[in-house]
Amino acid sequence: MNKGDMIAHRNAFGQALLDIADAYPQMLVFDADVCASTQTLGFKKAHPDRFYEMGIAEANMIGAAAGMALCGYTPWVSTFAVFLAKRALDQIRICVAHANLPVKLNASYGGLPTGRAGATHSSVEDIAVMRAMPNMTVLTPADAVETIAMTDLAMRIPGPVYLRTVRCEVPVIFDRSWRPVAGQAAQLADGDDVAICSEGMMTPNALAATEKLARLGIRARLLHYGTIKPFDTDAAIKASRECGAILTVENHSVIGGLGGAVCEALAEHAPCLVKRVGFPDVFMESGDDNEIFARFGMDADGIVKQVQDLLARKRLRN
């Protein structure tokens, strides 16, 4: 696995389960009849006595996993994000989060990218839902390397964890030695003209945008928020004070996700110009993922254009 390789989060997650299985003998895996899609199939074959196929009954699956957690196990629950954040939400809230149990949620197919599974399978509200959940940690890895590292990290976090993974292939941007820290943003580019805060699979796009901006003479700081909750408020405050303008980019609605978290932090501590880039208040549609991302300014070229517009506003304000 080298920088630039195109690897899907779901494949990395499946491999991570196999890699850490011996280190965590108390780890179980529950899946809602989508093990070939979420890539828990390999674990099923390697450890059939630790794998539970629950069928298309997500709420029941959460309840069963919570019961096993009370018996001393650490279960991974794996299915599509759209089902975890909506269909099984009551059980997650009451059985898992309220009880602060170590149930780990693999929210596969997060955000827009669902191949061509259809608009109803998109999950662009889930971060907002899980970020508001007491006791819940929310992780959004950028690439396959970070997905593997965060799968292990989730096992070492005492309470419930929501790990958001995607189906599509994403370029590797981290060295294999990368070890994320929960609640700590990673600065991937330095600059004080503007700051870009990104999450998940948007970070490779944001990184490409900073390189394009550098060629235009614009020094953009890039903060990757692999952890949405707990939120690294200090990094956002520092960026606000030193850059004076922040652009957020997320594979999520602009309501309640990373952009919301940044604005909440800055409104209380260090207000500055903020532009939120993500999906507007609409339901998604079926179609080519890259075309939809480009339409909403979430590809590298779109991020460059949004930064230029934000800097124009910054100059007028000054």
Protein backbone atom coordinates (compact mmCIF):
# COMPACT_ATOMS: atom_id res chain seq x y z
CA MET A 1 0.00 0.00 0.00
CA ASN A 2 1.78 3.11 -1.27
CA LYS A 3 0.89 6.78 -1.69
CA GLY A 4 -1.23 7.28 -4.76
CA ASP A 5 -2.67 3.76 -4.77
CA MET A 6 -6.44 3.70 -5.30
CA ILE A 7 -8.02 1.60 -2.54
CA ALA A 8 -11.57 1.61 -1.17
CA HIS A 9 -12.13 2.16 2.54
CA ARG A 10 -14.31 -0.95 2.66
CA ASN A 11 -11.47 -3.16 1.44
CA ALA A 12 -9.12 -1.64 3.99
CA PHE A 13 -11.66 -2.19 6.77
CA GLY A 14 -12.08 -5.84 5.83
CA GLN A 15 -8.31 -6.32 5.89
CA ALA A 16 -8.02 -4.48 9.20
CA LEU A 17 -10.43 -6.88 10.90
CA LEU A 18 -8.23 -9.80 9.84
CA ASP A 19 -5.06 -7.98 10.92
CA ILE A 20 -6.26 -7.28 14.46
CA ALA A 21 -8.32 -10.43 15.10
CA ASP A 22 -5.64 -12.18 17.15
CA ALA A 23 -4.81 -9.03 19.15
CA TYR A 24 -8.44 -8.68 20.25
CA PRO A 25 -9.85 -12.14 20.96
CA GLN A 26 -12.96 -10.51 22.44
CA MET A 27 -13.78 -8.88 19.08
CA LEU A 28 -16.88 -10.11 17.25
CA VAL A 29 -18.34 -9.05 13.90
CA PHE A 30 -22.05 -8.65 13.16
CA ASP A 31 -23.27 -8.01 9.62
CA ALA A 32 -26.71 -7.29 8.15
CA ASP A 33 -26.58 -9.50 5.05
CA VAL A 34 -24.10 -7.21 3.25
CA CYS A 35 -20.79 -8.88 4.16
CA ALA A 36 -19.65 -8.96 0.52
CA SER A 37 -20.35 -5.23 0.22
CA THR A 38 -18.87 -4.13 3.53
CA GLN A 39 -15.98 -6.59 3.11
CA THR A 40 -16.48 -8.44 6.38
CA LEU A 41 -16.65 -11.63 4.30
CA GLY A 42 -12.97 -12.35 4.88
CA PHE A 43 -13.44 -12.28 8.65
CA LYS A 44 -16.46 -14.56 8.30
CA LYS A 45 -14.36 -17.14 6.47
CA ALA A 46 -11.37 -16.85 8.80
CA HIS A 47 -13.28 -16.72 12.10
CA PRO A 48 -16.74 -18.26 11.58
CA ASP A 49 -17.19 -18.73 15.34
CA ARG A 50 -16.84 -14.95 15.88
CA PHE A 51 -19.06 -13.82 13.00
CA TYR A 52 -22.83 -13.32 13.21
CA GLU A 53 -24.95 -12.95 10.08
CA MET A 54 -28.05 -11.11 11.30
CA GLY A 55 -29.97 -10.70 8.07
CA ILE A 56 -31.66 -7.48 7.02
CA ALA A 57 -32.67 -6.65 10.58
CA GLU A 58 -30.40 -3.80 11.60
CA ALA A 59 -32.24 -2.79 14.77
CA ASN A 60 -32.18 -6.36 16.04
CA MET A 61 -28.48 -6.56 15.17
CA ILE A 62 -27.70 -3.53 17.35
CA GLY A 63 -29.62 -5.04 20.26
CA ALA A 64 -27.77 -8.35 19.93
CA ALA A 65 -24.40 -6.58 19.74
CA ALA A 66 -25.24 -4.56 22.84
CA GLY A 67 -26.08 -7.79 24.66
CA MET A 68 -22.73 -9.29 23.69
CA ALA A 69 -20.96 -6.11 24.84
CA LEU A 70 -22.59 -6.55 28.25
CA CYS A 71 -21.10 -10.06 28.30
CA GLY A 72 -17.57 -8.72 27.86
CA TYR A 73 -17.19 -8.81 24.08
CA THR A 74 -16.34 -5.93 21.76
CA PRO A 75 -18.62 -6.23 18.71
CA TRP A 76 -18.22 -4.58 15.33
CA VAL A 77 -21.58 -3.92 13.68
CA SER A 78 -21.25 -3.52 9.92
CA THR A 79 -23.82 -2.32 7.42
CA PHE A 80 -24.58 0.71 5.26
CA ALA A 81 -24.44 4.11 6.96
CA VAL A 82 -27.94 4.99 5.78
CA PHE A 83 -29.36 2.05 7.76
CA LEU A 84 -27.30 2.60 10.91
CA ALA A 85 -28.07 6.31 11.17
CA LYS A 86 -31.79 5.98 10.48
CA ARG A 87 -33.29 2.51 10.70
CA ALA A 88 -31.31 1.42 13.77
CA LEU A 89 -31.01 4.84 15.39
CA ASP A 90 -33.29 4.21 18.35
CA GLN A 91 -31.41 1.04 19.30
CA ILE A 92 -28.04 2.81 18.90
CA ARG A 93 -29.23 5.63 21.15
CA ILE A 94 -30.83 3.55 23.89
CA CYS A 95 -28.98 0.23 23.86
CA VAL A 96 -25.48 1.45 22.93
CA ALA A 97 -24.85 5.16 23.49
CA HIS A 98 -26.99 5.64 26.59
CA ALA A 99 -25.34 2.61 28.18
CA ASN A 100 -21.92 3.73 26.87
CA LEU A 101 -21.15 0.23 25.59
CA PRO A 102 -18.08 -0.61 23.47
CA VAL A 103 -20.04 -1.35 20.30
CA LYS A 104 -18.16 -0.27 17.18
CA LEU A 105 -20.22 0.78 14.15
CA ASN A 106 -18.79 0.37 10.66
CA ALA A 107 -20.93 2.79 8.65
CA SER A 108 -20.11 1.64 5.15
CA TYR A 109 -21.12 3.53 1.99
CA GLY A 110 -21.04 6.81 3.94
CA GLY A 111 -22.07 10.07 2.29
CA LEU A 112 -22.72 10.11 -1.44
CA PRO A 113 -20.59 7.28 -2.85
CA THR A 114 -22.79 4.21 -3.24
CA GLY A 115 -21.76 3.19 -6.72
CA ARG A 116 -25.06 3.21 -8.52
CA ALA A 117 -27.07 1.74 -5.66
CA GLY A 118 -29.50 4.63 -5.92
CA ALA A 119 -30.25 7.95 -4.28
CA THR A 120 -32.00 6.40 -1.27
CA HIS A 121 -28.75 4.70 -0.23
CA SER A 122 -26.85 7.97 0.16
CA SER A 123 -26.24 9.03 3.75
CA VAL A 124 -25.49 12.73 3.95
CA GLU A 125 -27.03 13.37 7.38
CA ASP A 126 -25.35 10.67 9.46
CA ILE A 127 -22.45 12.70 10.88
CA ALA A 128 -24.92 15.29 12.20
CA VAL A 129 -26.96 12.53 13.83
CA MET A 130 -24.00 10.74 15.42
CA ARG A 131 -22.18 13.93 16.42
CA ALA A 132 -25.20 14.89 18.54
CA MET A 133 -25.21 11.51 20.28
CA PRO A 134 -23.73 11.59 23.81
CA ASN A 135 -20.83 9.17 24.37
CA MET A 136 -20.33 8.62 20.61
CA THR A 137 -16.92 9.03 18.94
CA VAL A 138 -17.13 9.84 15.21
CA LEU A 139 -14.20 8.90 12.94
CA THR A 140 -13.97 9.73 9.22
CA PRO A 141 -10.78 8.30 7.69
CA ALA A 142 -9.23 9.91 4.62
CA ASP A 143 -7.79 6.83 2.95
CA ALA A 144 -7.11 3.12 3.29
CA VAL A 145 -4.11 3.61 5.59
CA GLU A 146 -6.13 5.69 8.01
CA THR A 147 -9.08 3.28 7.79
CA ILE A 148 -6.86 0.43 8.96
CA ALA A 149 -5.35 2.55 11.73
CA MET A 150 -8.76 3.80 12.87
CA THR A 151 -10.20 0.29 13.01
CA ASP A 152 -7.56 -0.53 15.59
CA LEU A 153 -8.00 2.86 17.28
CA ALA A 154 -11.73 2.22 17.65
CA MET A 155 -10.99 -0.98 19.56
CA ARG A 156 -8.97 1.02 22.09
CA ILE A 157 -11.66 3.67 22.67
CA PRO A 158 -13.76 2.60 25.68
CA GLY A 159 -17.24 3.55 24.43
CA PRO A 160 -19.19 3.41 21.16
CA VAL A 161 -17.51 4.48 17.93
CA TYR A 162 -18.99 5.43 14.55
CA LEU A 163 -16.42 4.69 11.82
CA ARG A 164 -17.55 6.12 8.49
CA THR A 165 -16.18 4.31 5.43
CA VAL A 166 -16.90 4.60 1.71
CA ARG A 167 -17.33 2.17 -1.15
CA CYS A 168 -15.40 3.93 -3.90
CA GLU A 169 -11.64 3.81 -4.41
CA VAL A 170 -9.76 6.73 -2.83
CA PRO A 171 -6.08 7.67 -3.29
CA VAL A 172 -3.74 6.78 -0.45
CA ILE A 173 -2.25 9.97 1.04
CA PHE A 174 -0.73 8.74 4.31
CA ASP A 175 2.42 6.72 4.93
CA ARG A 176 1.81 3.26 6.33
CA SER A 177 3.30 4.44 9.61
CA TRP A 178 0.48 6.99 10.12
CA ARG A 179 -1.27 6.68 13.48
CA PRO A 180 -4.21 9.07 14.01
CA VAL A 181 -5.08 10.39 17.45
CA ALA A 182 -8.74 10.66 18.45
CA GLY A 183 -9.74 14.31 18.81
CA GLN A 184 -6.69 15.68 17.02
CA ALA A 185 -6.76 17.22 13.54
CA ALA A 186 -3.80 16.54 11.24
CA GLN A 187 -2.18 19.49 9.47
CA LEU A 188 -1.26 18.27 6.00
CA ALA A 189 -0.24 21.59 4.42
CA ASP A 190 1.06 24.85 5.85
CA GLY A 191 -0.10 28.35 4.98
CA ASP A 192 -1.72 31.48 6.37
CA ASP A 193 -3.66 32.89 3.40
CA VAL A 194 -6.61 30.59 4.04
CA ALA A 195 -7.34 27.38 5.93
CA ILE A 196 -9.13 24.38 4.48
CA CYS A 197 -10.76 21.95 6.92
CA SER A 198 -11.71 18.63 5.36
CA GLU A 199 -12.92 15.21 6.44
CA GLY A 200 -12.90 11.69 5.11
CA MET A 201 -12.54 11.12 1.39
CA MET A 202 -12.70 14.86 0.74
CA THR A 203 -9.21 15.26 2.20
CA PRO A 204 -7.42 13.82 -0.87
CA ASN A 205 -9.39 16.32 -3.00
CA ALA A 206 -8.49 19.14 -0.60
CA LEU A 207 -4.82 18.10 -0.67
CA ALA A 208 -4.82 18.23 -4.47
CA ALA A 209 -6.49 21.65 -4.26
CA THR A 210 -3.75 23.02 -1.95
CA GLU A 211 -1.16 22.01 -4.54
CA LYS A 212 -3.11 23.79 -7.29
CA LEU A 213 -3.49 26.85 -5.06
CA ALA A 214 0.26 26.89 -4.33
CA ARG A 215 0.94 27.15 -8.05
CA LEU A 216 -1.33 30.20 -8.06
CA GLY A 217 0.64 31.78 -5.21
CA ILE A 218 -1.98 31.01 -2.54
CA ARG A 219 -0.68 29.36 0.62
CA ALA A 220 -3.48 27.24 2.05
CA ARG A 221 -3.29 25.45 5.38
CA LEU A 222 -4.97 22.04 5.27
CA LEU A 223 -6.44 20.51 8.41
CA HIS A 224 -7.73 16.97 8.07
CA TYR A 225 -10.43 16.22 10.63
CA GLY A 226 -10.32 12.43 10.80
CA THR A 227 -12.15 12.81 14.11
CA ILE A 228 -15.34 14.84 14.00
CA LYS A 229 -16.14 14.08 17.64
CA PRO A 230 -14.36 14.79 19.92
CA PHE A 231 -13.65 17.92 17.89
CA ASP A 232 -10.24 19.63 17.78
CA THR A 233 -11.40 23.12 18.65
CA ASP A 234 -7.87 24.40 19.26
CA ALA A 235 -6.77 23.69 15.68
CA ALA A 236 -9.80 25.55 14.29
CA ILE A 237 -9.22 28.55 16.58
CA LYS A 238 -5.55 28.71 15.61
CA ALA A 239 -6.46 28.59 11.91
CA SER A 240 -9.05 31.32 12.37
CA ARG A 241 -6.64 33.66 14.11
CA GLU A 242 -3.71 33.03 11.78
CA CYS A 243 -5.52 32.74 8.43
CA GLY A 244 -8.66 34.84 8.86
CA ALA A 245 -10.73 32.69 6.50
CA ILE A 246 -11.71 29.00 6.57
CA LEU A 247 -13.23 26.75 3.94
CA THR A 248 -14.76 23.46 5.12
CA VAL A 249 -15.22 20.52 2.75
CA GLU A 250 -17.21 17.41 3.61
CA ASN A 251 -18.93 14.44 2.00
CA HIS A 252 -22.06 15.34 3.96
CA SER A 253 -24.77 17.94 4.22
CA VAL A 254 -23.52 21.41 5.11
CA ILE A 255 -25.95 21.19 8.05
CA GLY A 256 -24.62 19.64 11.23
CA GLY A 257 -21.39 18.05 10.01
CA LEU A 258 -17.80 19.27 9.91
CA GLY A 259 -18.81 22.75 8.74
CA GLY A 260 -21.27 23.01 11.59
CA ALA A 261 -18.66 21.89 14.11
CA VAL A 262 -16.16 24.47 12.84
CA CYS A 263 -18.73 27.27 12.93
CA GLU A 264 -19.87 26.34 16.44
CA ALA A 265 -16.30 26.40 17.73
CA LEU A 266 -15.38 29.68 16.06
CA ALA A 267 -18.60 31.47 16.99
CA GLU A 268 -17.72 30.97 20.65
CA HIS A 269 -13.98 31.58 20.50
CA ALA A 270 -12.61 33.18 17.30
CA PRO A 271 -15.08 34.26 14.61
CA CYS A 272 -13.81 34.62 11.04
CA LEU A 273 -15.06 34.22 7.47
CA VAL A 274 -16.22 30.63 6.90
CA LYS A 275 -17.49 29.00 3.73
CA ARG A 276 -19.06 25.54 4.07
CA VAL A 277 -18.71 23.27 1.05
CA GLY A 278 -20.80 20.11 0.97
CA PHE A 279 -24.27 19.09 -0.07
CA PRO A 280 -27.01 21.71 0.32
CA ASP A 281 -30.31 20.95 2.02
CA VAL A 282 -31.45 18.45 -0.63
CA PHE A 283 -31.79 14.71 -1.01
CA MET A 284 -29.19 13.12 -3.26
CA GLU A 285 -29.76 11.69 -6.71
CA SER A 286 -28.54 8.68 -8.65
CA GLY A 287 -25.64 9.24 -11.01
CA ASP A 288 -21.90 9.36 -11.36
CA ASP A 289 -20.31 10.26 -8.02
CA ASN A 290 -17.51 12.38 -9.48
CA GLU A 291 -19.94 14.40 -11.59
CA ILE A 292 -22.11 15.10 -8.55
CA PHE A 293 -19.11 16.07 -6.42
CA ALA A 294 -17.96 18.45 -9.18
CA ARG A 295 -21.40 20.04 -9.46
CA PHE A 296 -21.29 20.99 -5.78
CA GLY A 297 -17.70 22.25 -5.91
CA MET A 298 -16.27 19.32 -3.96
CA ASP A 299 -13.59 18.19 -6.41
CA ALA A 300 -10.11 19.74 -6.45
CA ASP A 301 -10.97 22.36 -9.08
CA GLY A 302 -14.16 23.28 -7.28
CA ILE A 303 -12.31 23.70 -3.99
CA VAL A 304 -9.79 26.00 -5.70
CA LYS A 305 -12.61 28.14 -7.08
CA GLN A 306 -14.36 28.32 -3.69
CA VAL A 307 -11.09 29.35 -1.99
CA GLN A 308 -10.57 32.12 -4.55
CA ASP A 309 -14.08 33.42 -3.94
CA LEU A 310 -13.52 33.29 -0.16
CA LEU A 311 -10.24 35.20 -0.45
CA ALA A 312 -11.97 37.87 -2.52
CA ARG A 313 -14.44 38.33 0.33
CA LYS A 314 -11.58 38.42 2.80
CA ARG A 315 -9.87 41.21 0.87
CA LEU A 316 -13.07 43.28 0.76
CA ARG A 317 -13.51 42.80 4.49
CA ASN A 318 -9.99 43.99 5.19
